[in-house]
Amino acid sequence: MKDARDVLRIVGMILLGLFVFMVAAPLVMKLAGITYGIITGLIFLAILFIKVAVVLAIGYLILVGIRALLR
């Protein structure tokens, strides 16, 4: 149980750090005037990764289906 508590504490610290970074980074970047480009790029990359994951998942399901039919 102590290990689970330690893991939850570490996950909580990481999430808190990410939250602080996501709040502070745009404020700092806005001062530099480059927030829009970075956020747009991150959103584009996230959408691209989701599309790639969906294509890989569909391909895997097709491959597994073909394998099941051949048995």
Protein backbone atom coordinates (compact mmCIF):
# COMPACT_ATOMS: atom_id res chain seq x y z
CA MET A 1 0.00 0.00 0.00
CA LYS A 2 2.92 2.31 0.72
CA ASP A 3 4.21 1.80 -2.83
CA ALA A 4 0.83 2.77 -4.27
CA ARG A 5 0.81 5.92 -2.14
CA ASP A 6 4.32 6.80 -3.35
CA VAL A 7 3.32 6.24 -6.98
CA LEU A 8 0.23 8.41 -6.57
CA ARG A 9 2.35 11.11 -4.95
CA ILE A 10 4.83 11.05 -7.85
CA VAL A 11 2.02 11.10 -10.44
CA GLY A 12 0.43 14.01 -8.59
CA MET A 13 3.69 15.95 -8.63
CA ILE A 14 4.13 15.31 -12.35
CA LEU A 15 0.56 16.43 -13.10
CA LEU A 16 1.02 19.54 -10.96
CA GLY A 17 4.26 20.33 -12.77
CA LEU A 18 2.54 19.90 -16.15
CA PHE A 19 -0.30 22.15 -15.05
CA VAL A 20 2.10 24.86 -13.90
CA PHE A 21 4.06 24.52 -17.15
CA MET A 22 0.90 24.72 -19.28
CA VAL A 23 -0.22 27.85 -17.43
CA ALA A 24 3.16 29.59 -17.17
CA ALA A 25 4.55 28.70 -20.63
CA PRO A 26 1.86 30.54 -22.63
CA LEU A 27 2.24 33.61 -20.42
CA VAL A 28 5.99 33.69 -20.95
CA MET A 29 5.67 32.92 -24.66
CA LYS A 30 3.01 35.58 -25.08
CA LEU A 31 5.53 38.11 -23.88
CA ALA A 32 7.80 36.87 -26.65
CA GLY A 33 4.91 36.86 -29.14
CA ILE A 34 5.28 33.29 -30.35
CA THR A 35 2.46 31.55 -28.52
CA TYR A 36 0.16 31.16 -31.50
CA GLY A 37 2.71 29.35 -33.63
CA ILE A 38 3.71 26.92 -30.89
CA ILE A 39 0.14 26.08 -29.89
CA THR A 40 -0.87 25.64 -33.53
CA GLY A 41 2.11 23.36 -34.11
CA LEU A 42 1.34 21.27 -31.03
CA ILE A 43 -2.30 20.87 -32.06
CA PHE A 44 -1.21 19.88 -35.57
CA LEU A 45 1.21 17.28 -34.17
CA ALA A 46 -1.44 15.88 -31.81
CA ILE A 47 -3.92 15.47 -34.67
CA LEU A 48 -1.22 13.86 -36.82
CA PHE A 49 -0.30 11.37 -34.07
CA ILE A 50 -3.98 10.48 -33.58
CA LYS A 51 -4.41 9.86 -37.31
CA VAL A 52 -1.31 7.66 -37.40
CA ALA A 53 -2.51 5.70 -34.36
CA VAL A 54 -5.92 5.12 -35.95
CA VAL A 55 -4.36 3.93 -39.22
CA LEU A 56 -2.04 1.56 -37.33
CA ALA A 57 -4.93 0.22 -35.24
CA ILE A 58 -7.08 -0.43 -38.31
CA GLY A 59 -4.17 -2.11 -40.07
CA TYR A 60 -3.54 -4.30 -37.05
CA LEU A 61 -7.21 -5.30 -36.83
CA ILE A 62 -7.25 -6.18 -40.53
CA LEU A 63 -4.08 -8.23 -40.12
CA VAL A 64 -5.49 -10.09 -37.10
CA GLY A 65 -8.75 -10.72 -38.97
CA ILE A 66 -6.93 -12.18 -41.96
CA ARG A 67 -4.84 -14.34 -39.64
CA ALA A 68 -8.00 -15.60 -37.91
CA LEU A 69 -9.63 -16.45 -41.24
CA LEU A 70 -6.61 -18.43 -42.40
CA ARG A 71 -6.64 -20.69 -39.34
